[in-house]
């Protein structure tokens, strides 16, 4: 493969060691924050079997260029055969939410209970407005984001799954979302310490049973 055969070319690659995230920005404006754990278990040199167990705390030891089309990532668990082309990194970013759900289901089928590694959790402050505050019985909350929740879209999906009956409250068409007091799009990335406002579009709440 050569650089010319790559459909998506990166313009920036940064490793955030403390949060165990690889940030990749592409020429088309897309930017993805890929957890080290996610990259490790979806390496083409790995498979979704027992070898993926216990990778919550894995980090990236070093990144080595592979010509003009890819990088080789060396992980702290000794895995060093993963070659990630630009198109592979792009696909992992686009499909991150679905891939992460697949990963969690695979862990469950193997009887493994995934644990969030200490010191890598991102905490954000949520502000609820209008009828959403009444439904949630609070005006604010602080939550720790799972590794697969990286942007506004995945945040809303996760919030809808946290409590029975909440899914209808957090559908994107019902809410305007702000991040640090600026209106945000679904692809807006979330970081440690962000303040996220959830503002209903309509003054009329959806008809839902009491949240459990």
C-alpha atoms as a PDB file:
ATOM      1  CA  UNK A   1       0.000   0.000   0.000  1.00  0.00           C
ATOM      2  CA  UNK A   2       1.249   3.520  -0.738  1.00  0.00           C
ATOM      3  CA  UNK A   3       0.224   6.941   0.495  1.00  0.00           C
ATOM      4  CA  UNK A   4      -1.626   7.557  -2.803  1.00  0.00           C
ATOM      5  CA  UNK A   5      -3.855   4.533  -2.236  1.00  0.00           C
ATOM      6  CA  UNK A   6      -5.044   5.832   1.136  1.00  0.00           C
ATOM      7  CA  UNK A   7      -8.484   7.405   1.003  1.00  0.00           C
ATOM      8  CA  UNK A   8      -8.003   9.296   4.262  1.00  0.00           C
ATOM      9  CA  UNK A   9      -4.813  11.139   5.186  1.00  0.00           C
ATOM     10  CA  UNK A  10      -4.041  12.283   8.732  1.00  0.00           C
ATOM     11  CA  UNK A  11      -2.819  15.788   9.457  1.00  0.00           C
ATOM     12  CA  UNK A  12      -2.227  15.317  13.180  1.00  0.00           C
ATOM     13  CA  UNK A  13      -1.571  12.358  15.490  1.00  0.00           C
ATOM     14  CA  UNK A  14      -1.133  12.933  19.215  1.00  0.00           C
ATOM     15  CA  UNK A  15      -0.821  10.470  22.081  1.00  0.00           C
ATOM     16  CA  UNK A  16      -2.369  11.597  25.372  1.00  0.00           C
ATOM     17  CA  UNK A  17      -0.559   9.244  27.701  1.00  0.00           C
ATOM     18  CA  UNK A  18      -2.343  10.228  30.913  1.00  0.00           C
ATOM     19  CA  UNK A  19      -5.819   9.601  29.494  1.00  0.00           C
ATOM     20  CA  UNK A  20      -4.607   6.703  27.291  1.00  0.00           C
ATOM     21  CA  UNK A  21      -6.050   8.208  24.113  1.00  0.00           C
ATOM     22  CA  UNK A  22      -4.644   8.501  20.596  1.00  0.00           C
ATOM     23  CA  UNK A  23      -6.044  11.599  18.912  1.00  0.00           C
ATOM     24  CA  UNK A  24      -6.059  11.509  15.105  1.00  0.00           C
ATOM     25  CA  UNK A  25      -7.207  14.381  12.861  1.00  0.00           C
ATOM     26  CA  UNK A  26      -7.781  13.901   9.129  1.00  0.00           C
ATOM     27  CA  UNK A  27      -7.784  16.188   6.107  1.00  0.00           C
ATOM     28  CA  UNK A  28     -11.583  16.051   5.789  1.00  0.00           C
ATOM     29  CA  UNK A  29     -11.999  17.645   9.226  1.00  0.00           C
ATOM     30  CA  UNK A  30     -12.724  14.418  11.108  1.00  0.00           C
ATOM     31  CA  UNK A  31     -11.047  13.990  14.474  1.00  0.00           C
ATOM     32  CA  UNK A  32     -11.148  10.819  16.544  1.00  0.00           C
ATOM     33  CA  UNK A  33      -9.973  10.051  20.071  1.00  0.00           C
ATOM     34  CA  UNK A  34      -9.194   6.348  20.174  1.00  0.00           C
ATOM     35  CA  UNK A  35      -8.590   4.685  23.560  1.00  0.00           C
ATOM     36  CA  UNK A  36      -5.446   2.545  23.764  1.00  0.00           C
ATOM     37  CA  UNK A  37      -7.582  -0.372  24.931  1.00  0.00           C
ATOM     38  CA  UNK A  38      -9.778  -0.023  21.839  1.00  0.00           C
ATOM     39  CA  UNK A  39      -6.796   0.087  19.471  1.00  0.00           C
ATOM     40  CA  UNK A  40      -5.241  -2.927  21.183  1.00  0.00           C
ATOM     41  CA  UNK A  41      -8.252  -5.218  20.981  1.00  0.00           C
ATOM     42  CA  UNK A  42      -9.092  -4.186  17.409  1.00  0.00           C
ATOM     43  CA  UNK A  43      -5.593  -4.645  16.092  1.00  0.00           C
ATOM     44  CA  UNK A  44      -5.699  -6.719  12.903  1.00  0.00           C
ATOM     45  CA  UNK A  45      -2.983  -8.842  14.481  1.00  0.00           C
ATOM     46  CA  UNK A  46      -5.341  -9.710  17.360  1.00  0.00           C
ATOM     47  CA  UNK A  47      -8.685 -11.454  17.418  1.00  0.00           C
ATOM     48  CA  UNK A  48     -11.774 -11.091  19.566  1.00  0.00           C
ATOM     49  CA  UNK A  49     -11.008 -14.096  21.748  1.00  0.00           C
ATOM     50  CA  UNK A  50      -9.551 -14.660  25.205  1.00  0.00           C
ATOM     51  CA  UNK A  51      -6.429 -12.665  24.254  1.00  0.00           C
ATOM     52  CA  UNK A  52      -8.484  -9.461  24.635  1.00  0.00           C
ATOM     53  CA  UNK A  53      -9.147 -10.047  28.336  1.00  0.00           C
ATOM     54  CA  UNK A  54      -7.635  -7.681  30.880  1.00  0.00           C
ATOM     55  CA  UNK A  55      -6.678  -4.905  28.447  1.00  0.00           C
ATOM     56  CA  UNK A  56      -8.404  -2.056  30.311  1.00  0.00           C
ATOM     57  CA  UNK A  57      -5.148  -0.543  31.535  1.00  0.00           C
ATOM     58  CA  UNK A  58      -3.011  -1.072  28.451  1.00  0.00           C
ATOM     59  CA  UNK A  59      -1.118   1.955  27.156  1.00  0.00           C
ATOM     60  CA  UNK A  60       0.931   2.790  24.091  1.00  0.00           C
ATOM     61  CA  UNK A  61       4.670   2.474  24.641  1.00  0.00           C
ATOM     62  CA  UNK A  62       5.728   3.917  21.305  1.00  0.00           C
ATOM     63  CA  UNK A  63       4.534   4.657  17.776  1.00  0.00           C
ATOM     64  CA  UNK A  64       6.678   3.867  14.748  1.00  0.00           C
ATOM     65  CA  UNK A  65       6.037   5.186  11.202  1.00  0.00           C
ATOM     66  CA  UNK A  66       5.593   2.539   8.510  1.00  0.00           C
ATOM     67  CA  UNK A  67       6.495   4.285   5.281  1.00  0.00           C
ATOM     68  CA  UNK A  68       3.986   6.970   4.316  1.00  0.00           C
ATOM     69  CA  UNK A  69       0.816   4.954   4.828  1.00  0.00           C
ATOM     70  CA  UNK A  70       0.668   3.557   8.368  1.00  0.00           C
ATOM     71  CA  UNK A  71       2.023   3.374  11.907  1.00  0.00           C
ATOM     72  CA  UNK A  72       3.056   0.451  14.058  1.00  0.00           C
ATOM     73  CA  UNK A  73       1.870   0.700  17.643  1.00  0.00           C
ATOM     74  CA  UNK A  74       3.798  -0.985  20.431  1.00  0.00           C
ATOM     75  CA  UNK A  75       1.634  -1.549  23.504  1.00  0.00           C
ATOM     76  CA  UNK A  76       2.744  -1.890  27.114  1.00  0.00           C
ATOM     77  CA  UNK A  77       1.473  -5.486  27.266  1.00  0.00           C
ATOM     78  CA  UNK A  78       4.109  -6.495  24.706  1.00  0.00           C
ATOM     79  CA  UNK A  79       1.846  -6.562  21.648  1.00  0.00           C
ATOM     80  CA  UNK A  80       3.949  -5.047  18.852  1.00  0.00           C
ATOM     81  CA  UNK A  81       2.681  -6.506  15.583  1.00  0.00           C
ATOM     82  CA  UNK A  82      -0.248  -4.169  15.016  1.00  0.00           C
ATOM     83  CA  UNK A  83       0.057  -2.123  11.821  1.00  0.00           C
ATOM     84  CA  UNK A  84      -2.572   0.619  11.487  1.00  0.00           C
ATOM     85  CA  UNK A  85      -2.953   2.183   8.049  1.00  0.00           C
ATOM     86  CA  UNK A  86      -4.520   5.642   7.760  1.00  0.00           C
ATOM     87  CA  UNK A  87      -7.703   4.081   6.391  1.00  0.00           C
ATOM     88  CA  UNK A  88      -7.791   1.593   9.263  1.00  0.00           C
ATOM     89  CA  UNK A  89      -7.510   4.386  11.831  1.00  0.00           C
ATOM     90  CA  UNK A  90     -10.250   6.313  10.046  1.00  0.00           C
ATOM     91  CA  UNK A  91     -12.548   3.278   9.993  1.00  0.00           C
ATOM     92  CA  UNK A  92     -11.887   2.607  13.673  1.00  0.00           C
ATOM     93  CA  UNK A  93     -12.909   6.179  14.413  1.00  0.00           C
ATOM     94  CA  UNK A  94     -16.068   6.135  12.314  1.00  0.00           C
ATOM     95  CA  UNK A  95     -17.180   2.768  13.691  1.00  0.00           C
ATOM     96  CA  UNK A  96     -15.975   3.267  17.248  1.00  0.00           C
ATOM     97  CA  UNK A  97     -19.358   3.127  18.961  1.00  0.00           C
ATOM     98  CA  UNK A  98     -20.494  -0.046  17.173  1.00  0.00           C
ATOM     99  CA  UNK A  99     -17.105  -1.709  17.590  1.00  0.00           C
ATOM    100  CA  UNK A 100     -17.032  -0.906  21.291  1.00  0.00           C
ATOM    101  CA  UNK A 101     -20.485  -2.414  21.773  1.00  0.00           C
ATOM    102  CA  UNK A 102     -19.285  -5.550  19.950  1.00  0.00           C
ATOM    103  CA  UNK A 103     -16.238  -5.703  22.224  1.00  0.00           C
ATOM    104  CA  UNK A 104     -18.331  -5.463  25.401  1.00  0.00           C
ATOM    105  CA  UNK A 105     -20.687  -8.181  24.194  1.00  0.00           C
ATOM    106  CA  UNK A 106     -17.728 -10.415  23.393  1.00  0.00           C
ATOM    107  CA  UNK A 107     -16.299  -9.891  26.879  1.00  0.00           C
ATOM    108  CA  UNK A 108     -19.670 -10.772  28.370  1.00  0.00           C
ATOM    109  CA  UNK A 109     -19.883 -13.949  26.295  1.00  0.00           C
ATOM    110  CA  UNK A 110     -16.466 -14.933  27.646  1.00  0.00           C
ATOM    111  CA  UNK A 111     -17.688 -14.411  31.208  1.00  0.00           C
ATOM    112  CA  UNK A 112     -15.381 -11.463  31.814  1.00  0.00           C
ATOM    113  CA  UNK A 113     -16.411  -8.364  33.769  1.00  0.00           C
ATOM    114  CA  UNK A 114     -14.628  -5.318  32.392  1.00  0.00           C
ATOM    115  CA  UNK A 115     -13.314  -2.808  34.947  1.00  0.00           C
ATOM    116  CA  UNK A 116     -12.484   0.831  34.293  1.00  0.00           C
ATOM    117  CA  UNK A 117      -8.759   1.319  35.011  1.00  0.00           C
ATOM    118  CA  UNK A 118      -7.901   3.687  37.836  1.00  0.00           C
ATOM    119  CA  UNK A 119      -6.661   7.122  36.876  1.00  0.00           C
ATOM    120  CA  UNK A 120      -8.005   7.066  33.302  1.00  0.00           C
ATOM    121  CA  UNK A 121     -11.613   8.038  33.907  1.00  0.00           C
ATOM    122  CA  UNK A 122     -12.940  11.293  32.469  1.00  0.00           C
ATOM    123  CA  UNK A 123     -15.431  13.118  34.637  1.00  0.00           C
ATOM    124  CA  UNK A 124     -17.837  15.671  33.187  1.00  0.00           C
ATOM    125  CA  UNK A 125     -20.517  17.829  34.771  1.00  0.00           C
ATOM    126  CA  UNK A 126     -24.039  17.524  33.352  1.00  0.00           C
ATOM    127  CA  UNK A 127     -26.581  20.343  33.617  1.00  0.00           C
ATOM    128  CA  UNK A 128     -30.252  19.455  33.123  1.00  0.00           C
ATOM    129  CA  UNK A 129     -32.779  22.117  32.105  1.00  0.00           C
ATOM    130  CA  UNK A 130     -36.566  22.494  31.951  1.00  0.00           C
ATOM    131  CA  UNK A 131     -38.561  19.242  32.117  1.00  0.00           C
ATOM    132  CA  UNK A 132     -35.380  17.169  31.889  1.00  0.00           C
ATOM    133  CA  UNK A 133     -34.361  18.437  35.338  1.00  0.00           C
ATOM    134  CA  UNK A 134     -37.758  17.387  36.685  1.00  0.00           C
ATOM    135  CA  UNK A 135     -37.531  13.972  35.077  1.00  0.00           C
ATOM    136  CA  UNK A 136     -34.026  13.402  36.426  1.00  0.00           C
ATOM    137  CA  UNK A 137     -35.003  14.884  39.826  1.00  0.00           C
ATOM    138  CA  UNK A 138     -31.871  17.006  39.809  1.00  0.00           C
ATOM    139  CA  UNK A 139     -30.432  20.008  37.982  1.00  0.00           C
ATOM    140  CA  UNK A 140     -26.840  18.818  37.790  1.00  0.00           C
ATOM    141  CA  UNK A 141     -24.797  15.666  37.983  1.00  0.00           C
ATOM    142  CA  UNK A 142     -21.186  14.568  37.726  1.00  0.00           C
ATOM    143  CA  UNK A 143     -20.528  11.369  35.816  1.00  0.00           C
ATOM    144  CA  UNK A 144     -17.526   9.297  34.816  1.00  0.00           C
ATOM    145  CA  UNK A 145     -17.564   8.540  31.106  1.00  0.00           C
ATOM    146  CA  UNK A 146     -16.907   4.984  29.900  1.00  0.00           C
ATOM    147  CA  UNK A 147     -14.075   4.638  27.396  1.00  0.00           C
ATOM    148  CA  UNK A 148     -16.514   4.272  24.509  1.00  0.00           C
ATOM    149  CA  UNK A 149     -18.215   7.612  25.223  1.00  0.00           C
ATOM    150  CA  UNK A 150     -16.098  10.166  23.419  1.00  0.00           C
ATOM    151  CA  UNK A 151     -18.494  12.689  21.866  1.00  0.00           C
ATOM    152  CA  UNK A 152     -21.973  14.179  22.255  1.00  0.00           C
ATOM    153  CA  UNK A 153     -23.702  11.465  20.211  1.00  0.00           C
ATOM    154  CA  UNK A 154     -22.259   8.607  22.232  1.00  0.00           C
ATOM    155  CA  UNK A 155     -22.940  10.528  25.474  1.00  0.00           C
ATOM    156  CA  UNK A 156     -26.651  10.831  24.684  1.00  0.00           C
ATOM    157  CA  UNK A 157     -26.830   7.151  23.763  1.00  0.00           C
ATOM    158  CA  UNK A 158     -25.130   6.191  27.024  1.00  0.00           C
ATOM    159  CA  UNK A 159     -27.321   8.452  29.150  1.00  0.00           C
ATOM    160  CA  UNK A 160     -30.405   6.902  27.587  1.00  0.00           C
ATOM    161  CA  UNK A 161     -29.228   3.433  28.583  1.00  0.00           C
ATOM    162  CA  UNK A 162     -28.224   4.214  32.178  1.00  0.00           C
ATOM    163  CA  UNK A 163     -31.748   4.121  33.579  1.00  0.00           C
ATOM    164  CA  UNK A 164     -34.837   2.253  32.469  1.00  0.00           C
ATOM    165  CA  UNK A 165     -37.232   4.579  30.656  1.00  0.00           C
ATOM    166  CA  UNK A 166     -34.571   7.254  29.992  1.00  0.00           C
ATOM    167  CA  UNK A 167     -33.843   6.485  26.336  1.00  0.00           C
ATOM    168  CA  UNK A 168     -36.685   8.642  25.006  1.00  0.00           C
ATOM    169  CA  UNK A 169     -35.453  11.610  27.060  1.00  0.00           C
ATOM    170  CA  UNK A 170     -32.020  11.701  25.449  1.00  0.00           C
ATOM    171  CA  UNK A 171     -32.802  11.292  21.754  1.00  0.00           C
ATOM    172  CA  UNK A 172     -30.799  13.911  19.799  1.00  0.00           C
ATOM    173  CA  UNK A 173     -33.901  15.476  18.229  1.00  0.00           C
ATOM    174  CA  UNK A 174     -35.277  16.389  21.676  1.00  0.00           C
ATOM    175  CA  UNK A 175     -32.225  18.224  22.981  1.00  0.00           C
ATOM    176  CA  UNK A 176     -29.824  21.020  22.261  1.00  0.00           C
ATOM    177  CA  UNK A 177     -26.456  20.294  23.795  1.00  0.00           C
ATOM    178  CA  UNK A 178     -23.817  22.738  24.947  1.00  0.00           C
ATOM    179  CA  UNK A 179     -20.224  21.910  25.848  1.00  0.00           C
ATOM    180  CA  UNK A 180     -18.567  24.530  28.035  1.00  0.00           C
ATOM    181  CA  UNK A 181     -21.454  26.916  27.240  1.00  0.00           C
ATOM    182  CA  UNK A 182     -21.031  26.627  23.468  1.00  0.00           C
ATOM    183  CA  UNK A 183     -23.653  24.852  21.366  1.00  0.00           C
ATOM    184  CA  UNK A 184     -22.235  21.557  20.196  1.00  0.00           C
ATOM    185  CA  UNK A 185     -22.737  19.080  17.368  1.00  0.00           C
ATOM    186  CA  UNK A 186     -23.003  15.309  17.721  1.00  0.00           C
ATOM    187  CA  UNK A 187     -19.349  14.903  16.784  1.00  0.00           C
ATOM    188  CA  UNK A 188     -18.103  17.380  19.431  1.00  0.00           C
ATOM    189  CA  UNK A 189     -15.471  15.627  21.540  1.00  0.00           C
ATOM    190  CA  UNK A 190     -15.709  15.392  25.325  1.00  0.00           C
ATOM    191  CA  UNK A 191     -12.774  15.851  27.687  1.00  0.00           C
ATOM    192  CA  UNK A 192     -12.037  15.686  31.383  1.00  0.00           C
ATOM    193  CA  UNK A 193     -13.759  18.510  33.262  1.00  0.00           C
ATOM    194  CA  UNK A 194     -16.161  19.531  30.480  1.00  0.00           C
ATOM    195  CA  UNK A 195     -19.514  21.061  31.421  1.00  0.00           C
ATOM    196  CA  UNK A 196     -22.332  19.650  29.285  1.00  0.00           C
ATOM    197  CA  UNK A 197     -25.724  21.388  29.171  1.00  0.00           C
ATOM    198  CA  UNK A 198     -28.786  19.389  28.073  1.00  0.00           C
ATOM    199  CA  UNK A 199     -31.547  21.754  26.951  1.00  0.00           C
ATOM    200  CA  UNK A 200     -34.920  20.418  25.701  1.00  0.00           C
ATOM    201  CA  UNK A 201     -36.073  21.763  22.336  1.00  0.00           C
ATOM    202  CA  UNK A 202     -39.709  21.731  23.412  1.00  0.00           C
ATOM    203  CA  UNK A 203     -41.355  22.878  26.658  1.00  0.00           C
ATOM    204  CA  UNK A 204     -43.500  19.726  26.589  1.00  0.00           C
ATOM    205  CA  UNK A 205     -41.844  16.590  27.954  1.00  0.00           C
ATOM    206  CA  UNK A 206     -42.358  13.189  26.321  1.00  0.00           C
ATOM    207  CA  UNK A 207     -44.848  10.894  27.981  1.00  0.00           C
ATOM    208  CA  UNK A 208     -42.709   8.436  29.924  1.00  0.00           C
ATOM    209  CA  UNK A 209     -43.101   6.311  33.041  1.00  0.00           C
ATOM    210  CA  UNK A 210     -41.118   7.227  36.133  1.00  0.00           C
ATOM    211  CA  UNK A 211     -37.434   6.522  35.721  1.00  0.00           C
ATOM    212  CA  UNK A 212     -36.033   3.504  37.544  1.00  0.00           C
END
